[in-house]
Amino acid sequence: MPVPKRKRSRARRDSRFANKFIKVKAIATCSNCNEATSSHQVCASCGYYKGRKVMTTKKDRVTKRKDALTARQATSKSAQGTPSENPE
């Protein structure tokens, strides 16, 4: 089994770990809503990337559910309203 011939000096050992530090991430602004986002990432608040909508956000899903609910309620009211309008 191979064994090192000489002890590795502290300078060589420590220089190996000298570049292992946390780098500051670049912060960009969204072109659609001007929110702070990470560069090359989809905006979490509006779902846009490079000027195109690529992701549905929670706000989009909530409004879609609300529209569907009101449409269902309108159709159920109209279905219930037709027989009662007939006086026979």
N, C-alpha and C. Protein backbone atom coordinates (compact mmCIF):
# COMPACT_ATOMS: atom_id res chain seq x y z
N MET A 1 0.84 -1.17 0.00
CA MET A 1 0.00 0.00 0.00
C MET A 1 0.89 1.25 0.00
N PRO A 2 0.60 2.23 -0.89
CA PRO A 2 1.47 3.41 -0.96
C PRO A 2 1.32 4.32 0.25
N VAL A 3 2.44 4.85 0.69
CA VAL A 3 2.50 5.73 1.85
C VAL A 3 3.28 6.98 1.44
N PRO A 4 2.85 8.19 1.86
CA PRO A 4 3.61 9.39 1.50
C PRO A 4 5.03 9.35 2.06
N LYS A 5 5.99 9.82 1.25
CA LYS A 5 7.38 9.77 1.67
C LYS A 5 7.71 10.86 2.68
N ARG A 6 7.05 12.07 2.51
CA ARG A 6 7.32 13.19 3.42
C ARG A 6 6.01 13.79 3.91
N LYS A 7 6.12 14.43 5.06
CA LYS A 7 4.97 15.12 5.62
C LYS A 7 4.64 16.34 4.75
N ARG A 8 3.35 16.55 4.50
CA ARG A 8 2.94 17.73 3.74
C ARG A 8 2.96 18.94 4.66
N SER A 9 3.61 20.00 4.23
CA SER A 9 3.78 21.18 5.08
C SER A 9 2.44 21.88 5.33
N ARG A 10 2.41 22.70 6.39
CA ARG A 10 1.19 23.44 6.73
C ARG A 10 0.81 24.40 5.61
N ALA A 11 1.78 25.01 4.97
CA ALA A 11 1.51 25.97 3.89
C ALA A 11 0.82 25.28 2.71
N ARG A 12 1.32 24.12 2.34
CA ARG A 12 0.68 23.38 1.23
C ARG A 12 -0.71 22.91 1.62
N ARG A 13 -0.83 22.41 2.83
CA ARG A 13 -2.14 21.93 3.31
C ARG A 13 -3.15 23.07 3.36
N ASP A 14 -2.77 24.19 3.92
CA ASP A 14 -3.69 25.31 4.08
C ASP A 14 -4.01 26.00 2.77
N SER A 15 -3.07 26.01 1.83
CA SER A 15 -3.34 26.65 0.54
C SER A 15 -4.37 25.86 -0.26
N ARG A 16 -4.49 24.59 0.02
CA ARG A 16 -5.50 23.77 -0.66
C ARG A 16 -6.91 24.22 -0.27
N PHE A 17 -7.08 24.67 0.98
CA PHE A 17 -8.39 25.08 1.47
C PHE A 17 -8.62 26.59 1.36
N ALA A 18 -7.66 27.32 0.83
CA ALA A 18 -7.74 28.78 0.81
C ALA A 18 -8.89 29.29 -0.06
N ASN A 19 -9.25 28.58 -1.11
CA ASN A 19 -10.28 29.06 -2.04
C ASN A 19 -11.65 28.49 -1.77
N LYS A 20 -11.83 27.80 -0.67
CA LYS A 20 -13.13 27.21 -0.34
C LYS A 20 -13.91 28.17 0.55
N PHE A 21 -14.41 29.24 -0.04
CA PHE A 21 -15.20 30.20 0.72
C PHE A 21 -16.53 30.40 0.02
N ILE A 22 -17.46 30.97 0.71
CA ILE A 22 -18.79 31.20 0.17
C ILE A 22 -18.76 32.45 -0.70
N LYS A 23 -19.22 32.31 -1.93
CA LYS A 23 -19.24 33.44 -2.85
C LYS A 23 -20.60 34.12 -2.79
N VAL A 24 -20.61 35.43 -2.94
CA VAL A 24 -21.84 36.20 -2.94
C VAL A 24 -22.55 36.00 -4.27
N LYS A 25 -23.84 35.64 -4.21
CA LYS A 25 -24.59 35.43 -5.44
C LYS A 25 -25.00 36.76 -6.05
N ALA A 26 -25.01 36.80 -7.36
CA ALA A 26 -25.43 38.01 -8.06
C ALA A 26 -26.95 38.14 -7.98
N ILE A 27 -27.42 39.34 -7.72
CA ILE A 27 -28.86 39.59 -7.63
C ILE A 27 -29.27 40.40 -8.84
N ALA A 28 -30.29 39.92 -9.54
CA ALA A 28 -30.83 40.62 -10.70
C ALA A 28 -32.25 41.06 -10.40
N THR A 29 -32.79 41.92 -11.24
CA THR A 29 -34.19 42.34 -11.07
C THR A 29 -35.02 41.74 -12.19
N CYS A 30 -36.25 41.41 -11.88
CA CYS A 30 -37.17 40.84 -12.86
C CYS A 30 -37.55 41.93 -13.85
N SER A 31 -37.56 41.57 -15.13
CA SER A 31 -37.90 42.56 -16.17
C SER A 31 -39.40 42.86 -16.18
N ASN A 32 -40.21 41.96 -15.60
CA ASN A 32 -41.66 42.15 -15.61
C ASN A 32 -42.15 42.91 -14.38
N CYS A 33 -41.73 42.49 -13.18
CA CYS A 33 -42.27 43.08 -11.95
C CYS A 33 -41.23 43.81 -11.11
N ASN A 34 -39.98 43.85 -11.55
CA ASN A 34 -38.88 44.54 -10.86
C ASN A 34 -38.60 44.00 -9.47
N GLU A 35 -38.92 42.74 -9.19
CA GLU A 35 -38.58 42.09 -7.93
C GLU A 35 -37.13 41.61 -8.00
N ALA A 36 -36.47 41.51 -6.87
CA ALA A 36 -35.10 40.99 -6.81
C ALA A 36 -35.13 39.47 -6.94
N THR A 37 -34.37 38.94 -7.89
CA THR A 37 -34.30 37.50 -8.13
C THR A 37 -32.84 37.09 -8.33
N SER A 38 -32.58 35.80 -8.27
CA SER A 38 -31.25 35.31 -8.62
C SER A 38 -31.11 35.35 -10.13
N SER A 39 -29.91 35.56 -10.61
CA SER A 39 -29.72 35.63 -12.05
C SER A 39 -29.94 34.26 -12.68
N HIS A 40 -30.46 34.24 -13.86
CA HIS A 40 -30.76 33.02 -14.64
C HIS A 40 -31.77 32.12 -13.93
N GLN A 41 -32.70 32.72 -13.19
CA GLN A 41 -33.74 31.97 -12.49
C GLN A 41 -35.10 32.58 -12.83
N VAL A 42 -36.14 31.76 -12.76
CA VAL A 42 -37.50 32.25 -12.96
C VAL A 42 -37.90 33.10 -11.76
N CYS A 43 -38.61 34.20 -12.02
CA CYS A 43 -39.06 35.06 -10.94
C CYS A 43 -40.14 34.33 -10.15
N ALA A 44 -39.97 34.24 -8.84
CA ALA A 44 -40.92 33.50 -8.00
C ALA A 44 -42.22 34.25 -7.82
N SER A 45 -42.20 35.57 -7.94
CA SER A 45 -43.42 36.34 -7.68
C SER A 45 -44.34 36.41 -8.90
N CYS A 46 -43.77 36.47 -10.11
CA CYS A 46 -44.64 36.60 -11.29
C CYS A 46 -44.52 35.43 -12.27
N GLY A 47 -43.47 34.63 -12.20
CA GLY A 47 -43.33 33.47 -13.07
C GLY A 47 -42.74 33.77 -14.44
N TYR A 48 -42.14 34.93 -14.62
CA TYR A 48 -41.56 35.30 -15.91
C TYR A 48 -40.06 35.04 -15.93
N TYR A 49 -39.56 34.67 -17.11
CA TYR A 49 -38.13 34.51 -17.35
C TYR A 49 -37.82 35.00 -18.75
N LYS A 50 -36.94 35.96 -18.85
CA LYS A 50 -36.56 36.58 -20.13
C LYS A 50 -37.77 37.11 -20.88
N GLY A 51 -38.71 37.71 -20.16
CA GLY A 51 -39.85 38.35 -20.79
C GLY A 51 -40.98 37.42 -21.18
N ARG A 52 -40.89 36.12 -20.83
CA ARG A 52 -41.95 35.16 -21.17
C ARG A 52 -42.49 34.53 -19.90
N LYS A 53 -43.78 34.23 -19.88
CA LYS A 53 -44.40 33.55 -18.75
C LYS A 53 -44.08 32.06 -18.89
N VAL A 54 -43.31 31.51 -17.94
CA VAL A 54 -42.89 30.12 -18.03
C VAL A 54 -43.37 29.28 -16.86
N MET A 55 -43.97 29.93 -15.83
CA MET A 55 -44.38 29.19 -14.65
C MET A 55 -45.64 29.82 -14.08
N THR A 56 -46.58 28.98 -13.63
CA THR A 56 -47.76 29.52 -12.97
C THR A 56 -47.43 29.72 -11.49
N THR A 57 -47.80 30.86 -10.98
CA THR A 57 -47.51 31.18 -9.59
C THR A 57 -48.73 30.88 -8.73
N LYS A 58 -48.56 30.97 -7.43
CA LYS A 58 -49.65 30.70 -6.50
C LYS A 58 -50.79 31.69 -6.73
N LYS A 59 -50.46 32.94 -7.00
CA LYS A 59 -51.48 33.96 -7.25
C LYS A 59 -52.31 33.60 -8.49
N ASP A 60 -51.65 33.08 -9.54
CA ASP A 60 -52.36 32.67 -10.75
C ASP A 60 -53.33 31.52 -10.45
N ARG A 61 -52.86 30.55 -9.67
CA ARG A 61 -53.70 29.39 -9.36
C ARG A 61 -54.91 29.79 -8.52
N VAL A 62 -54.72 30.72 -7.58
CA VAL A 62 -55.82 31.16 -6.73
C VAL A 62 -56.88 31.88 -7.55
N THR A 63 -56.45 32.75 -8.45
CA THR A 63 -57.42 33.48 -9.27
C THR A 63 -58.14 32.54 -10.22
N LYS A 64 -57.45 31.54 -10.74
CA LYS A 64 -58.08 30.57 -11.64
C LYS A 64 -59.14 29.76 -10.88
N ARG A 65 -58.82 29.34 -9.64
CA ARG A 65 -59.79 28.60 -8.83
C ARG A 65 -61.00 29.46 -8.50
N LYS A 66 -60.76 30.73 -8.20
CA LYS A 66 -61.85 31.64 -7.86
C LYS A 66 -62.76 31.85 -9.06
N ASP A 67 -62.21 32.00 -10.24
CA ASP A 67 -63.00 32.16 -11.46
C ASP A 67 -63.83 30.91 -11.74
N ALA A 68 -63.22 29.75 -11.54
CA ALA A 68 -63.94 28.49 -11.77
C ALA A 68 -65.08 28.34 -10.78
N LEU A 69 -64.86 28.73 -9.53
CA LEU A 69 -65.88 28.64 -8.50
C LEU A 69 -67.07 29.55 -8.82
N THR A 70 -66.78 30.77 -9.22
CA THR A 70 -67.87 31.70 -9.55
C THR A 70 -68.63 31.23 -10.78
N ALA A 71 -67.95 30.63 -11.74
CA ALA A 71 -68.62 30.09 -12.93
C ALA A 71 -69.53 28.93 -12.54
N ARG A 72 -69.05 28.05 -11.66
CA ARG A 72 -69.88 26.94 -11.21
C ARG A 72 -71.10 27.41 -10.44
N GLN A 73 -70.90 28.42 -9.60
CA GLN A 73 -72.02 28.96 -8.83
C GLN A 73 -73.04 29.63 -9.75
N ALA A 74 -72.58 30.30 -10.78
CA ALA A 74 -73.49 30.95 -11.73
C ALA A 74 -74.29 29.93 -12.50
N THR A 75 -73.65 28.83 -12.91
CA THR A 75 -74.38 27.80 -13.66
C THR A 75 -75.36 27.07 -12.75
N SER A 76 -75.01 26.84 -11.49
CA SER A 76 -75.93 26.16 -10.58
C SER A 76 -77.12 27.06 -10.25
N LYS A 77 -76.91 28.36 -10.11
CA LYS A 77 -78.01 29.29 -9.86
C LYS A 77 -78.95 29.36 -11.06
N SER A 78 -78.37 29.37 -12.26
CA SER A 78 -79.21 29.44 -13.45
C SER A 78 -79.98 28.13 -13.64
N ALA A 79 -79.39 27.01 -13.27
CA ALA A 79 -80.09 25.72 -13.39
C ALA A 79 -81.21 25.63 -12.34
N GLN A 80 -80.99 26.18 -11.16
CA GLN A 80 -82.01 26.17 -10.13
C GLN A 80 -83.08 27.22 -10.41
N GLY A 81 -82.72 28.30 -11.07
CA GLY A 81 -83.63 29.40 -11.32
C GLY A 81 -84.65 29.11 -12.41
N THR A 82 -84.36 28.28 -13.39
CA THR A 82 -85.28 28.02 -14.50
C THR A 82 -86.54 27.30 -14.07
N PRO A 83 -86.54 26.26 -13.28
CA PRO A 83 -87.80 25.61 -12.92
C PRO A 83 -88.68 26.50 -12.03
N SER A 84 -88.10 27.33 -11.19
CA SER A 84 -88.90 28.17 -10.30
C SER A 84 -89.56 29.32 -11.06
N GLU A 85 -89.02 29.71 -12.21
CA GLU A 85 -89.60 30.79 -12.99
C GLU A 85 -90.90 30.33 -13.67
N ASN A 86 -91.02 29.06 -13.93
CA ASN A 86 -92.22 28.52 -14.57
C ASN A 86 -93.33 28.42 -13.54
N PRO A 87 -94.46 29.22 -13.68
CA PRO A 87 -95.48 29.23 -12.64
C PRO A 87 -96.39 28.01 -12.62
N GLU A 88 -96.27 27.09 -13.51
CA GLU A 88 -97.17 25.91 -13.56
C GLU A 88 -97.01 25.03 -12.43
